[in-house]
Amino acid sequence: MPVWHRRGVAPGPTDLAARSLGAVPNVFLRSKPMRIEPDALRTKLADMLTAAIGPAAPVVEVGNGQEVVLSWLDGPAATTVADLVAGVVNWEVRTVAAPATKAGAPAVLLARRFSPGALAW
């Protein structure tokens, strides 16, 4: 077993800990998307968004394949809705116009529209 020396002094516990932590690569682990049927997720998201946002909550619909589409007029910011969705399911959350990160992966799509009055402001 090799002995570590620095300037003739054996390393203490803090030196070994610093070396060990410095050798660990920076890795981001992402879990697999949660397995849930789109219809079940639609119900779960609709209940949660209505409780959190109230009458301005997005309408939740099932799109093509494994997509759940949230659509609303004016109302809360897309980031607010995305944060709420992320607390329920770990699917990709993106706008309808954005391309998918991984083709065929389940996603929650955000379709926020603005009224003419909001656009004129």
PDB file of N, CA and C in Angstrom:
ATOM      1  N   MET A   1       0.849  -1.172   0.000  1.00  0.00           N
ATOM      2  CA  MET A   1       0.000   0.000   0.000  1.00  0.00           C
ATOM      3  C   MET A   1       0.895   1.236   0.000  1.00  0.00           C
ATOM      4  N   PRO A   2       0.684   2.157  -0.953  1.00  0.00           N
ATOM      5  CA  PRO A   2       1.564   3.323  -1.029  1.00  0.00           C
ATOM      6  C   PRO A   2       1.317   4.285   0.124  1.00  0.00           C
ATOM      7  N   VAL A   3       2.339   4.982   0.481  1.00  0.00           N
ATOM      8  CA  VAL A   3       2.258   5.992   1.535  1.00  0.00           C
ATOM      9  C   VAL A   3       2.353   7.356   0.870  1.00  0.00           C
ATOM     10  N   TRP A   4       1.414   8.238   1.170  1.00  0.00           N
ATOM     11  CA  TRP A   4       1.408   9.583   0.604  1.00  0.00           C
ATOM     12  C   TRP A   4       2.288  10.488   1.449  1.00  0.00           C
ATOM     13  N   HIS A   5       3.172  11.209   0.799  1.00  0.00           N
ATOM     14  CA  HIS A   5       4.033  12.147   1.511  1.00  0.00           C
ATOM     15  C   HIS A   5       3.981  13.490   0.822  1.00  0.00           C
ATOM     16  N   ARG A   6       3.959  14.534   1.622  1.00  0.00           N
ATOM     17  CA  ARG A   6       4.052  15.888   1.102  1.00  0.00           C
ATOM     18  C   ARG A   6       5.109  16.600   1.910  1.00  0.00           C
ATOM     19  N   ARG A   7       6.229  16.886   1.264  1.00  0.00           N
ATOM     20  CA  ARG A   7       7.367  17.527   1.930  1.00  0.00           C
ATOM     21  C   ARG A   7       7.832  16.718   3.135  1.00  0.00           C
ATOM     22  N   GLY A   8       7.795  15.413   2.991  1.00  0.00           N
ATOM     23  CA  GLY A   8       8.315  14.555   4.040  1.00  0.00           C
ATOM     24  C   GLY A   8       7.371  14.328   5.199  1.00  0.00           C
ATOM     25  N   VAL A   9       6.137  14.837   5.120  1.00  0.00           N
ATOM     26  CA  VAL A   9       5.179  14.676   6.215  1.00  0.00           C
ATOM     27  C   VAL A   9       4.032  13.794   5.723  1.00  0.00           C
ATOM     28  N   ALA A  10       3.670  12.807   6.503  1.00  0.00           N
ATOM     29  CA  ALA A  10       2.539  11.954   6.142  1.00  0.00           C
ATOM     30  C   ALA A  10       1.263  12.773   6.193  1.00  0.00           C
ATOM     31  N   PRO A  11       0.352  12.541   5.255  1.00  0.00           N
ATOM     32  CA  PRO A  11      -0.869  13.343   5.224  1.00  0.00           C
ATOM     33  C   PRO A  11      -1.788  13.040   6.395  1.00  0.00           C
ATOM     34  N   GLY A  12      -2.477  14.063   6.838  1.00  0.00           N
ATOM     35  CA  GLY A  12      -3.481  13.900   7.884  1.00  0.00           C
ATOM     36  C   GLY A  12      -4.815  13.581   7.248  1.00  0.00           C
ATOM     37  N   PRO A  13      -5.830  13.370   8.044  1.00  0.00           N
ATOM     38  CA  PRO A  13      -7.140  13.014   7.523  1.00  0.00           C
ATOM     39  C   PRO A  13      -7.725  14.098   6.609  1.00  0.00           C
ATOM     40  N   THR A  14      -7.451  15.383   6.893  1.00  0.00           N
ATOM     41  CA  THR A  14      -8.013  16.442   6.044  1.00  0.00           C
ATOM     42  C   THR A  14      -7.342  16.456   4.677  1.00  0.00           C
ATOM     43  N   ASP A  15      -6.054  16.133   4.595  1.00  0.00           N
ATOM     44  CA  ASP A  15      -5.367  16.083   3.305  1.00  0.00           C
ATOM     45  C   ASP A  15      -5.946  14.975   2.431  1.00  0.00           C
ATOM     46  N   LEU A  16      -6.205  13.824   3.019  1.00  0.00           N
ATOM     47  CA  LEU A  16      -6.756  12.704   2.251  1.00  0.00           C
ATOM     48  C   LEU A  16      -8.176  13.008   1.788  1.00  0.00           C
ATOM     49  N   ALA A  17      -8.955  13.675   2.648  1.00  0.00           N
ATOM     50  CA  ALA A  17     -10.325  14.023   2.267  1.00  0.00           C
ATOM     51  C   ALA A  17     -10.319  15.007   1.112  1.00  0.00           C
ATOM     52  N   ALA A  18      -9.412  15.984   1.150  1.00  0.00           N
ATOM     53  CA  ALA A  18      -9.341  16.962   0.071  1.00  0.00           C
ATOM     54  C   ALA A  18      -8.950  16.292  -1.236  1.00  0.00           C
ATOM     55  N   ARG A  19      -8.020  15.357  -1.190  1.00  0.00           N
ATOM     56  CA  ARG A  19      -7.621  14.648  -2.403  1.00  0.00           C
ATOM     57  C   ARG A  19      -8.757  13.793  -2.934  1.00  0.00           C
ATOM     58  N   SER A  20      -9.476  13.148  -2.044  1.00  0.00           N
ATOM     59  CA  SER A  20     -10.576  12.285  -2.473  1.00  0.00           C
ATOM     60  C   SER A  20     -11.687  13.097  -3.120  1.00  0.00           C
ATOM     61  N   LEU A  21     -12.041  14.231  -2.535  1.00  0.00           N
ATOM     62  CA  LEU A  21     -13.115  15.049  -3.086  1.00  0.00           C
ATOM     63  C   LEU A  21     -12.703  15.687  -4.405  1.00  0.00           C
ATOM     64  N   GLY A  22     -11.427  16.011  -4.538  1.00  0.00           N
ATOM     65  CA  GLY A  22     -10.961  16.617  -5.770  1.00  0.00           C
ATOM     66  C   GLY A  22     -10.962  15.649  -6.930  1.00  0.00           C
ATOM     67  N   ALA A  23     -10.937  14.372  -6.670  1.00  0.00           N
ATOM     68  CA  ALA A  23     -10.889  13.372  -7.731  1.00  0.00           C
ATOM     69  C   ALA A  23     -12.271  12.953  -8.216  1.00  0.00           C
ATOM     70  N   VAL A  24     -13.334  13.383  -7.527  1.00  0.00           N
ATOM     71  CA  VAL A  24     -14.692  12.994  -7.913  1.00  0.00           C
ATOM     72  C   VAL A  24     -15.146  13.869  -9.070  1.00  0.00           C
ATOM     73  N   PRO A  25     -15.559  13.259 -10.181  1.00  0.00           N
ATOM     74  CA  PRO A  25     -16.023  14.073 -11.311  1.00  0.00           C
ATOM     75  C   PRO A  25     -17.372  14.709 -10.995  1.00  0.00           C
ATOM     76  N   ASN A  26     -17.621  15.838 -11.631  1.00  0.00           N
ATOM     77  CA  ASN A  26     -18.892  16.522 -11.472  1.00  0.00           C
ATOM     78  C   ASN A  26     -19.903  15.832 -12.380  1.00  0.00           C
ATOM     79  N   VAL A  27     -20.838  15.105 -11.804  1.00  0.00           N
ATOM     80  CA  VAL A  27     -21.795  14.313 -12.578  1.00  0.00           C
ATOM     81  C   VAL A  27     -23.203  14.724 -12.185  1.00  0.00           C
ATOM     82  N   PHE A  28     -24.061  14.913 -13.201  1.00  0.00           N
ATOM     83  CA  PHE A  28     -25.474  15.204 -12.959  1.00  0.00           C
ATOM     84  C   PHE A  28     -26.264  13.964 -13.344  1.00  0.00           C
ATOM     85  N   LEU A  29     -26.975  13.397 -12.402  1.00  0.00           N
ATOM     86  CA  LEU A  29     -27.775  12.202 -12.667  1.00  0.00           C
ATOM     87  C   LEU A  29     -29.235  12.595 -12.832  1.00  0.00           C
ATOM     88  N   ARG A  30     -29.845  12.152 -13.905  1.00  0.00           N
ATOM     89  CA  ARG A  30     -31.256  12.410 -14.133  1.00  0.00           C
ATOM     90  C   ARG A  30     -31.985  11.073 -14.113  1.00  0.00           C
ATOM     91  N   SER A  31     -33.032  11.020 -13.332  1.00  0.00           N
ATOM     92  CA  SER A  31     -33.784   9.777 -13.248  1.00  0.00           C
ATOM     93  C   SER A  31     -34.605   9.585 -14.514  1.00  0.00           C
ATOM     94  N   LYS A  32     -35.018   8.348 -14.741  1.00  0.00           N
ATOM     95  CA  LYS A  32     -35.861   8.059 -15.897  1.00  0.00           C
ATOM     96  C   LYS A  32     -37.209   8.737 -15.689  1.00  0.00           C
ATOM     97  N   PRO A  33     -37.882   9.087 -16.799  1.00  0.00           N
ATOM     98  CA  PRO A  33     -39.203   9.703 -16.646  1.00  0.00           C
ATOM     99  C   PRO A  33     -40.161   8.784 -15.890  1.00  0.00           C
ATOM    100  N   MET A  34     -40.935   9.388 -15.034  1.00  0.00           N
ATOM    101  CA  MET A  34     -41.910   8.656 -14.234  1.00  0.00           C
ATOM    102  C   MET A  34     -42.919   7.965 -15.149  1.00  0.00           C
ATOM    103  N   ARG A  35     -43.238   6.721 -14.848  1.00  0.00           N
ATOM    104  CA  ARG A  35     -44.226   5.989 -15.646  1.00  0.00           C
ATOM    105  C   ARG A  35     -45.610   6.274 -15.100  1.00  0.00           C
ATOM    106  N   ILE A  36     -46.374   6.982 -15.902  1.00  0.00           N
ATOM    107  CA  ILE A  36     -47.759   7.292 -15.552  1.00  0.00           C
ATOM    108  C   ILE A  36     -48.513   7.486 -16.859  1.00  0.00           C
ATOM    109  N   GLU A  37     -49.718   7.009 -16.903  1.00  0.00           N
ATOM    110  CA  GLU A  37     -50.533   7.163 -18.102  1.00  0.00           C
ATOM    111  C   GLU A  37     -50.876   8.642 -18.291  1.00  0.00           C
ATOM    112  N   PRO A  38     -50.860   9.128 -19.522  1.00  0.00           N
ATOM    113  CA  PRO A  38     -51.181  10.535 -19.767  1.00  0.00           C
ATOM    114  C   PRO A  38     -52.540  10.960 -19.217  1.00  0.00           C
ATOM    115  N   ASP A  39     -53.554  10.088 -19.281  1.00  0.00           N
ATOM    116  CA  ASP A  39     -54.877  10.440 -18.742  1.00  0.00           C
ATOM    117  C   ASP A  39     -54.840  10.600 -17.228  1.00  0.00           C
ATOM    118  N   ALA A  40     -54.105   9.729 -16.557  1.00  0.00           N
ATOM    119  CA  ALA A  40     -53.974   9.835 -15.103  1.00  0.00           C
ATOM    120  C   ALA A  40     -53.207  11.097 -14.726  1.00  0.00           C
ATOM    121  N   LEU A  41     -52.168  11.410 -15.498  1.00  0.00           N
ATOM    122  CA  LEU A  41     -51.393  12.630 -15.242  1.00  0.00           C
ATOM    123  C   LEU A  41     -52.242  13.863 -15.511  1.00  0.00           C
ATOM    124  N   ARG A  42     -53.082  13.822 -16.542  1.00  0.00           N
ATOM    125  CA  ARG A  42     -53.966  14.948 -16.844  1.00  0.00           C
ATOM    126  C   ARG A  42     -54.849  15.267 -15.649  1.00  0.00           C
ATOM    127  N   THR A  43     -55.434  14.249 -15.057  1.00  0.00           N
ATOM    128  CA  THR A  43     -56.302  14.442 -13.892  1.00  0.00           C
ATOM    129  C   THR A  43     -55.513  14.992 -12.702  1.00  0.00           C
ATOM    130  N   LYS A  44     -54.352  14.426 -12.471  1.00  0.00           N
ATOM    131  CA  LYS A  44     -53.520  14.842 -11.346  1.00  0.00           C
ATOM    132  C   LYS A  44     -53.064  16.303 -11.502  1.00  0.00           C
ATOM    133  N   LEU A  45     -52.626  16.662 -12.722  1.00  0.00           N
ATOM    134  CA  LEU A  45     -52.176  18.040 -12.967  1.00  0.00           C
ATOM    135  C   LEU A  45     -53.330  19.031 -12.886  1.00  0.00           C
ATOM    136  N   ALA A  46     -54.479  18.655 -13.418  1.00  0.00           N
ATOM    137  CA  ALA A  46     -55.645  19.552 -13.377  1.00  0.00           C
ATOM    138  C   ALA A  46     -56.034  19.860 -11.935  1.00  0.00           C
ATOM    139  N   ASP A  47     -56.074  18.847 -11.086  1.00  0.00           N
ATOM    140  CA  ASP A  47     -56.417  19.054  -9.674  1.00  0.00           C
ATOM    141  C   ASP A  47     -55.383  19.928  -8.978  1.00  0.00           C
ATOM    142  N   MET A  48     -54.102  19.647  -9.213  1.00  0.00           N
ATOM    143  CA  MET A  48     -53.039  20.399  -8.565  1.00  0.00           C
ATOM    144  C   MET A  48     -53.016  21.850  -9.024  1.00  0.00           C
ATOM    145  N   LEU A  49     -53.152  22.092 -10.338  1.00  0.00           N
ATOM    146  CA  LEU A  49     -53.110  23.462 -10.858  1.00  0.00           C
ATOM    147  C   LEU A  49     -54.316  24.278 -10.406  1.00  0.00           C
ATOM    148  N   THR A  50     -55.474  23.652 -10.338  1.00  0.00           N
ATOM    149  CA  THR A  50     -56.660  24.357  -9.849  1.00  0.00           C
ATOM    150  C   THR A  50     -56.491  24.743  -8.389  1.00  0.00           C
ATOM    151  N   ALA A  51     -55.931  23.860  -7.589  1.00  0.00           N
ATOM    152  CA  ALA A  51     -55.699  24.164  -6.176  1.00  0.00           C
ATOM    153  C   ALA A  51     -54.634  25.244  -5.999  1.00  0.00           C
ATOM    154  N   ALA A  52     -53.590  25.227  -6.818  1.00  0.00           N
ATOM    155  CA  ALA A  52     -52.478  26.171  -6.659  1.00  0.00           C
ATOM    156  C   ALA A  52     -52.750  27.535  -7.283  1.00  0.00           C
ATOM    157  N   ILE A  53     -53.415  27.565  -8.442  1.00  0.00           N
ATOM    158  CA  ILE A  53     -53.578  28.814  -9.187  1.00  0.00           C
ATOM    159  C   ILE A  53     -55.003  29.352  -9.107  1.00  0.00           C
ATOM    160  N   GLY A  54     -55.977  28.474  -9.032  1.00  0.00           N
ATOM    161  CA  GLY A  54     -57.365  28.906  -8.962  1.00  0.00           C
ATOM    162  C   GLY A  54     -58.008  28.963 -10.330  1.00  0.00           C
ATOM    163  N   PRO A  55     -58.907  29.918 -10.541  1.00  0.00           N
ATOM    164  CA  PRO A  55     -59.658  29.962 -11.797  1.00  0.00           C
ATOM    165  C   PRO A  55     -58.791  30.254 -13.029  1.00  0.00           C
ATOM    166  N   ALA A  56     -57.625  30.807 -12.853  1.00  0.00           N
ATOM    167  CA  ALA A  56     -56.732  31.094 -13.988  1.00  0.00           C
ATOM    168  C   ALA A  56     -55.866  29.891 -14.353  1.00  0.00           C
ATOM    169  N   ALA A  57     -56.154  28.737 -13.770  1.00  0.00           N
ATOM    170  CA  ALA A  57     -55.339  27.541 -14.018  1.00  0.00           C
ATOM    171  C   ALA A  57     -55.453  27.103 -15.474  1.00  0.00           C
ATOM    172  N   PRO A  58     -54.361  26.576 -16.020  1.00  0.00           N
ATOM    173  CA  PRO A  58     -54.383  26.098 -17.404  1.00  0.00           C
ATOM    174  C   PRO A  58     -55.339  24.929 -17.603  1.00  0.00           C
ATOM    175  N   VAL A  59     -55.847  24.808 -18.810  1.00  0.00           N
ATOM    176  CA  VAL A  59     -56.661  23.661 -19.206  1.00  0.00           C
ATOM    177  C   VAL A  59     -55.687  22.541 -19.544  1.00  0.00           C
ATOM    178  N   VAL A  60     -55.920  21.357 -19.012  1.00  0.00           N
ATOM    179  CA  VAL A  60     -55.017  20.231 -19.210  1.00  0.00           C
ATOM    180  C   VAL A  60     -55.663  19.252 -20.177  1.00  0.00           C
ATOM    181  N   GLU A  61     -54.966  18.958 -21.284  1.00  0.00           N
ATOM    182  CA  GLU A  61     -55.467  18.028 -22.294  1.00  0.00           C
ATOM    183  C   GLU A  61     -54.380  17.021 -22.631  1.00  0.00           C
ATOM    184  N   VAL A  62     -54.784  15.874 -23.161  1.00  0.00           N
ATOM    185  CA  VAL A  62     -53.830  14.877 -23.629  1.00  0.00           C
ATOM    186  C   VAL A  62     -53.639  15.092 -25.119  1.00  0.00           C
ATOM    187  N   GLY A  63     -52.374  15.240 -25.524  1.00  0.00           N
ATOM    188  CA  GLY A  63     -52.068  15.445 -26.936  1.00  0.00           C
ATOM    189  C   GLY A  63     -51.786  14.130 -27.636  1.00  0.00           C
ATOM    190  N   ASN A  64     -51.035  14.198 -28.721  1.00  0.00           N
ATOM    191  CA  ASN A  64     -50.661  12.998 -29.476  1.00  0.00           C
ATOM    192  C   ASN A  64     -49.620  12.208 -28.698  1.00  0.00           C
ATOM    193  N   GLY A  65     -49.784  10.919 -28.647  1.00  0.00           N
ATOM    194  CA  GLY A  65     -48.781  10.074 -27.996  1.00  0.00           C
ATOM    195  C   GLY A  65     -48.732  10.279 -26.505  1.00  0.00           C
ATOM    196  N   GLN A  66     -47.519  10.513 -25.986  1.00  0.00           N
ATOM    197  CA  GLN A  66     -47.313  10.642 -24.543  1.00  0.00           C
ATOM    198  C   GLN A  66     -47.148  12.099 -24.129  1.00  0.00           C
ATOM    199  N   GLU A  67     -47.916  12.997 -24.716  1.00  0.00           N
ATOM    200  CA  GLU A  67     -47.817  14.410 -24.379  1.00  0.00           C
ATOM    201  C   GLU A  67     -49.052  14.863 -23.614  1.00  0.00           C
ATOM    202  N   VAL A  68     -48.824  15.711 -22.644  1.00  0.00           N
ATOM    203  CA  VAL A  68     -49.904  16.371 -21.933  1.00  0.00           C
ATOM    204  C   VAL A  68     -49.728  17.855 -22.216  1.00  0.00           C
ATOM    205  N   VAL A  69     -50.790  18.508 -22.707  1.00  0.00           N
ATOM    206  CA  VAL A  69     -50.712  19.908 -23.128  1.00  0.00           C
ATOM    207  C   VAL A  69     -51.464  20.770 -22.122  1.00  0.00           C
ATOM    208  N   LEU A  70     -50.784  21.803 -21.621  1.00  0.00           N
ATOM    209  CA  LEU A  70     -51.398  22.783 -20.731  1.00  0.00           C
ATOM    210  C   LEU A  70     -51.582  24.069 -21.529  1.00  0.00           C
ATOM    211  N   SER A  71     -52.804  24.547 -21.659  1.00  0.00           N
ATOM    212  CA  SER A  71     -53.041  25.770 -22.414  1.00  0.00           C
ATOM    213  C   SER A  71     -53.821  26.763 -21.565  1.00  0.00           C
ATOM    214  N   TRP A  72     -53.458  28.036 -21.692  1.00  0.00           N
ATOM    215  CA  TRP A  72     -54.139  29.088 -20.944  1.00  0.00           C
ATOM    216  C   TRP A  72     -53.940  30.426 -21.619  1.00  0.00           C
ATOM    217  N   LEU A  73     -54.853  31.352 -21.319  1.00  0.00           N
ATOM    218  CA  LEU A  73     -54.844  32.694 -21.879  1.00  0.00           C
ATOM    219  C   LEU A  73     -54.417  33.652 -20.778  1.00  0.00           C
ATOM    220  N   ASP A  74     -53.365  34.424 -21.044  1.00  0.00           N
ATOM    221  CA  ASP A  74     -52.787  35.342 -20.057  1.00  0.00           C
ATOM    222  C   ASP A  74     -52.423  34.554 -18.797  1.00  0.00           C
ATOM    223  N   GLY A  75     -52.921  34.943 -17.631  1.00  0.00           N
ATOM    224  CA  GLY A  75     -52.695  34.175 -16.408  1.00  0.00           C
ATOM    225  C   GLY A  75     -51.246  34.087 -15.963  1.00  0.00           C
ATOM    226  N   PRO A  76     -50.889  33.009 -15.263  1.00  0.00           N
ATOM    227  CA  PRO A  76     -49.560  32.886 -14.660  1.00  0.00           C
ATOM    228  C   PRO A  76     -48.456  32.700 -15.705  1.00  0.00           C
ATOM    229  N   ALA A  77     -47.247  33.018 -15.295  1.00  0.00           N
ATOM    230  CA  ALA A  77     -46.079  32.861 -16.178  1.00  0.00           C
ATOM    231  C   ALA A  77     -45.815  31.382 -16.439  1.00  0.00           C
ATOM    232  N   ALA A  78     -45.209  31.125 -17.585  1.00  0.00           N
ATOM    233  CA  ALA A  78     -44.896  29.741 -17.956  1.00  0.00           C
ATOM    234  C   ALA A  78     -43.935  29.107 -16.958  1.00  0.00           C
ATOM    235  N   THR A  79     -43.007  29.880 -16.409  1.00  0.00           N
ATOM    236  CA  THR A  79     -42.065  29.323 -15.430  1.00  0.00           C
ATOM    237  C   THR A  79     -42.775  28.910 -14.150  1.00  0.00           C
ATOM    238  N   THR A  80     -43.792  29.654 -13.756  1.00  0.00           N
ATOM    239  CA  THR A  80     -44.564  29.298 -12.566  1.00  0.00           C
ATOM    240  C   THR A  80     -45.273  27.956 -12.778  1.00  0.00           C
ATOM    241  N   VAL A  81     -45.888  27.810 -13.934  1.00  0.00           N
ATOM    242  CA  VAL A  81     -46.591  26.565 -14.243  1.00  0.00           C
ATOM    243  C   VAL A  81     -45.591  25.410 -14.362  1.00  0.00           C
ATOM    244  N   ALA A  82     -44.445  25.659 -15.007  1.00  0.00           N
ATOM    245  CA  ALA A  82     -43.428  24.605 -15.158  1.00  0.00           C
ATOM    246  C   ALA A  82     -42.911  24.143 -13.803  1.00  0.00           C
ATOM    247  N   ASP A  83     -42.707  25.066 -12.867  1.00  0.00           N
ATOM    248  CA  ASP A  83     -42.251  24.696 -11.522  1.00  0.00           C
ATOM    249  C   ASP A  83     -43.293  23.830 -10.807  1.00  0.00           C
ATOM    250  N   LEU A  84     -44.556  24.168 -10.968  1.00  0.00           N
ATOM    251  CA  LEU A  84     -45.613  23.372 -10.341  1.00  0.00           C
ATOM    252  C   LEU A  84     -45.674  21.971 -10.950  1.00  0.00           C
ATOM    253  N   VAL A  85     -45.532  21.884 -12.262  1.00  0.00           N
ATOM    254  CA  VAL A  85     -45.565  20.585 -12.946  1.00  0.00           C
ATOM    255  C   VAL A  85     -44.383  19.727 -12.508  1.00  0.00           C
ATOM    256  N   ALA A  86     -43.218  20.342 -12.368  1.00  0.00           N
ATOM    257  CA  ALA A  86     -42.014  19.595 -11.978  1.00  0.00           C
ATOM    258  C   ALA A  86     -42.170  18.954 -10.604  1.00  0.00           C
ATOM    259  N   GLY A  87     -43.005  19.510  -9.749  1.00  0.00           N
ATOM    260  CA  GLY A  87     -43.253  18.915  -8.447  1.00  0.00           C
ATOM    261  C   GLY A  87     -44.138  17.682  -8.510  1.00  0.00           C
ATOM    262  N   VAL A  88     -44.795  17.460  -9.640  1.00  0.00           N
ATOM    263  CA  VAL A  88     -45.706  16.330  -9.782  1.00  0.00           C
ATOM    264  C   VAL A  88     -45.088  15.195 -10.588  1.00  0.00           C
ATOM    265  N   VAL A  89     -44.427  15.528 -11.683  1.00  0.00           N
ATOM    266  CA  VAL A  89     -43.893  14.512 -12.580  1.00  0.00           C
ATOM    267  C   VAL A  89     -42.543  14.988 -13.131  1.00  0.00           C
ATOM    268  N   ASN A  90     -41.628  14.059 -13.367  1.00  0.00           N
ATOM    269  CA  ASN A  90     -40.298  14.452 -13.850  1.00  0.00           C
ATOM    270  C   ASN A  90     -40.165  14.297 -15.366  1.00  0.00           C
ATOM    271  N   TRP A  91     -41.234  14.544 -16.095  1.00  0.00           N
ATOM    272  CA  TRP A  91     -41.186  14.551 -17.548  1.00  0.00           C
ATOM    273  C   TRP A  91     -40.568  15.861 -18.017  1.00  0.00           C
ATOM    274  N   GLU A  92     -40.172  15.899 -19.270  1.00  0.00           N
ATOM    275  CA  GLU A  92     -39.666  17.142 -19.855  1.00  0.00           C
ATOM    276  C   GLU A  92     -40.815  18.145 -19.927  1.00  0.00           C
ATOM    277  N   VAL A  93     -40.559  19.379 -19.492  1.00  0.00           N
ATOM    278  CA  VAL A  93     -41.548  20.450 -19.569  1.00  0.00           C
ATOM    279  C   VAL A  93     -40.986  21.492 -20.532  1.00  0.00           C
ATOM    280  N   ARG A  94     -41.733  21.759 -21.615  1.00  0.00           N
ATOM    281  CA  ARG A  94     -41.260  22.699 -22.634  1.00  0.00           C
ATOM    282  C   ARG A  94     -42.442  23.347 -23.309  1.00  0.00           C
ATOM    283  N   THR A  95     -42.171  24.418 -24.057  1.00  0.00           N
ATOM    284  CA  THR A  95     -43.238  25.061 -24.809  1.00  0.00           C
ATOM    285  C   THR A  95     -43.581  24.208 -26.025  1.00  0.00           C
ATOM    286  N   VAL A  96     -44.726  24.459 -26.595  1.00  0.00           N
ATOM    287  CA  VAL A  96     -45.183  23.696 -27.752  1.00  0.00           C
ATOM    288  C   VAL A  96     -44.221  23.880 -28.925  1.00  0.00           C
ATOM    289  N   ALA A  97     -43.664  25.066 -29.081  1.00  0.00           N
ATOM    290  CA  ALA A  97     -42.791  25.364 -30.217  1.00  0.00           C
ATOM    291  C   ALA A  97     -41.376  24.807 -30.056  1.00  0.00           C
ATOM    292  N   ALA A  98     -40.965  24.489 -28.848  1.00  0.00           N
ATOM    293  CA  ALA A  98     -39.592  24.002 -28.614  1.00  0.00           C
ATOM    294  C   ALA A  98     -39.459  22.547 -29.051  1.00  0.00           C
ATOM    295  N   PRO A  99     -38.313  22.206 -29.642  1.00  0.00           N
ATOM    296  CA  PRO A  99     -38.112  20.803 -30.038  1.00  0.00           C
ATOM    297  C   PRO A  99     -37.866  19.915 -28.817  1.00  0.00           C
ATOM    298  N   ALA A 100     -38.185  18.656 -28.959  1.00  0.00           N
ATOM    299  CA  ALA A 100     -37.983  17.701 -27.865  1.00  0.00           C
ATOM    300  C   ALA A 100     -36.503  17.448 -27.656  1.00  0.00           C
ATOM    301  N   THR A 101     -36.101  17.294 -26.398  1.00  0.00           N
ATOM    302  CA  THR A 101     -34.719  16.959 -26.082  1.00  0.00           C
ATOM    303  C   THR A 101     -34.400  15.551 -26.542  1.00  0.00           C
ATOM    304  N   LYS A 102     -35.334  14.645 -26.314  1.00  0.00           N
ATOM    305  CA  LYS A 102     -35.179  13.252 -26.725  1.00  0.00           C
ATOM    306  C   LYS A 102     -36.459  12.823 -27.438  1.00  0.00           C
ATOM    307  N   ALA A 103     -36.329  12.437 -28.686  1.00  0.00           N
ATOM    308  CA  ALA A 103     -37.508  12.068 -29.476  1.00  0.00           C
ATOM    309  C   ALA A 103     -38.245  10.889 -28.853  1.00  0.00           C
ATOM    310  N   GLY A 104     -39.550  11.011 -28.772  1.00  0.00           N
ATOM    311  CA  GLY A 104     -40.369   9.932 -28.237  1.00  0.00           C
ATOM    312  C   GLY A 104     -40.512   9.913 -26.729  1.00  0.00           C
ATOM    313  N   ALA A 105     -39.782  10.775 -26.029  1.00  0.00           N
ATOM    314  CA  ALA A 105     -39.868  10.817 -24.566  1.00  0.00           C
ATOM    315  C   ALA A 105     -41.148  11.544 -24.154  1.00  0.00           C
ATOM    316  N   PRO A 106     -41.746  11.164 -23.030  1.00  0.00           N
ATOM    317  CA  PRO A 106     -42.955  11.850 -22.580  1.00  0.00           C
ATOM    318  C   PRO A 106     -42.650  13.297 -22.217  1.00  0.00           C
ATOM    319  N   ALA A 107     -43.627  14.170 -22.471  1.00  0.00           N
ATOM    320  CA  ALA A 107     -43.408  15.594 -22.213  1.00  0.00           C
ATOM    321  C   ALA A 107     -44.701  16.267 -21.792  1.00  0.00           C
ATOM    322  N   VAL A 108     -44.544  17.361 -21.052  1.00  0.00           N
ATOM    323  CA  VAL A 108     -45.649  18.254 -20.732  1.00  0.00           C
ATOM    324  C   VAL A 108     -45.390  19.524 -21.533  1.00  0.00           C
ATOM    325  N   LEU A 109     -46.328  19.878 -22.402  1.00  0.00           N
ATOM    326  CA  LEU A 109     -46.165  21.024 -23.288  1.00  0.00           C
ATOM    327  C   LEU A 109     -46.947  22.217 -22.747  1.00  0.00           C
ATOM    328  N   LEU A 110     -46.334  23.382 -22.796  1.00  0.00           N
ATOM    329  CA  LEU A 110     -46.962  24.608 -22.323  1.00  0.00           C
ATOM    330  C   LEU A 110     -47.378  25.447 -23.519  1.00  0.00           C
ATOM    331  N   ALA A 111     -48.655  25.812 -23.583  1.00  0.00           N
ATOM    332  CA  ALA A 111     -49.182  26.610 -24.686  1.00  0.00           C
ATOM    333  C   ALA A 111     -49.869  27.846 -24.122  1.00  0.00           C
ATOM    334  N   ARG A 112     -49.081  28.835 -23.747  1.00  0.00           N
ATOM    335  CA  ARG A 112     -49.638  30.072 -23.192  1.00  0.00           C
ATOM    336  C   ARG A 112     -49.915  31.043 -24.336  1.00  0.00           C
ATOM    337  N   ARG A 113     -51.113  31.613 -24.324  1.00  0.00           N
ATOM    338  CA  ARG A 113     -51.490  32.614 -25.316  1.00  0.00           C
ATOM    339  C   ARG A 113     -51.770  33.924 -24.607  1.00  0.00           C
ATOM    340  N   PHE A 114     -51.732  35.004 -25.371  1.00  0.00           N
ATOM    341  CA  PHE A 114     -51.984  36.325 -24.807  1.00  0.00           C
ATOM    342  C   PHE A 114     -53.193  36.951 -25.482  1.00  0.00           C
ATOM    343  N   SER A 115     -53.992  37.648 -24.692  1.00  0.00           N
ATOM    344  CA  SER A 115     -55.166  38.352 -25.235  1.00  0.00           C
ATOM    345  C   SER A 115     -54.690  39.616 -25.951  1.00  0.00           C
ATOM    346  N   PRO A 116     -55.515  40.173 -26.840  1.00  0.00           N
ATOM    347  CA  PRO A 116     -55.127  41.421 -27.521  1.00  0.00           C
ATOM    348  C   PRO A 116     -54.833  42.550 -26.528  1.00  0.00           C
ATOM    349  N   GLY A 117     -55.576  42.585 -25.427  1.00  0.00           N
ATOM    350  CA  GLY A 117     -55.332  43.615 -24.419  1.00  0.00           C
ATOM    351  C   GLY A 117     -53.963  43.463 -23.768  1.00  0.00           C
ATOM    352  N   ALA A 118     -53.555  42.232 -23.511  1.00  0.00           N
ATOM    353  CA  ALA A 118     -52.244  41.998 -22.910  1.00  0.00           C
ATOM    354  C   ALA A 118     -51.119  42.327 -23.891  1.00  0.00           C
ATOM    355  N   LEU A 119     -51.338  42.041 -25.159  1.00  0.00           N
ATOM    356  CA  LEU A 119     -50.324  42.356 -26.172  1.00  0.00           C
ATOM    357  C   LEU A 119     -50.211  43.857 -26.418  1.00  0.00           C
ATOM    358  N   ALA A 120     -51.309  44.590 -26.264  1.00  0.00           N
ATOM    359  CA  ALA A 120     -51.279  46.031 -26.476  1.00  0.00           C
ATOM    360  C   ALA A 120     -50.595  46.769 -25.340  1.00  0.00           C
ATOM    361  N   TRP A 121     -50.535  46.179 -24.210  1.00  0.00           N
ATOM    362  CA  TRP A 121     -49.943  46.802 -23.022  1.00  0.00           C
ATOM    363  C   TRP A 121     -48.511  46.924 -23.189  1.00  0.00           C
TER     364      TRP A 121
END
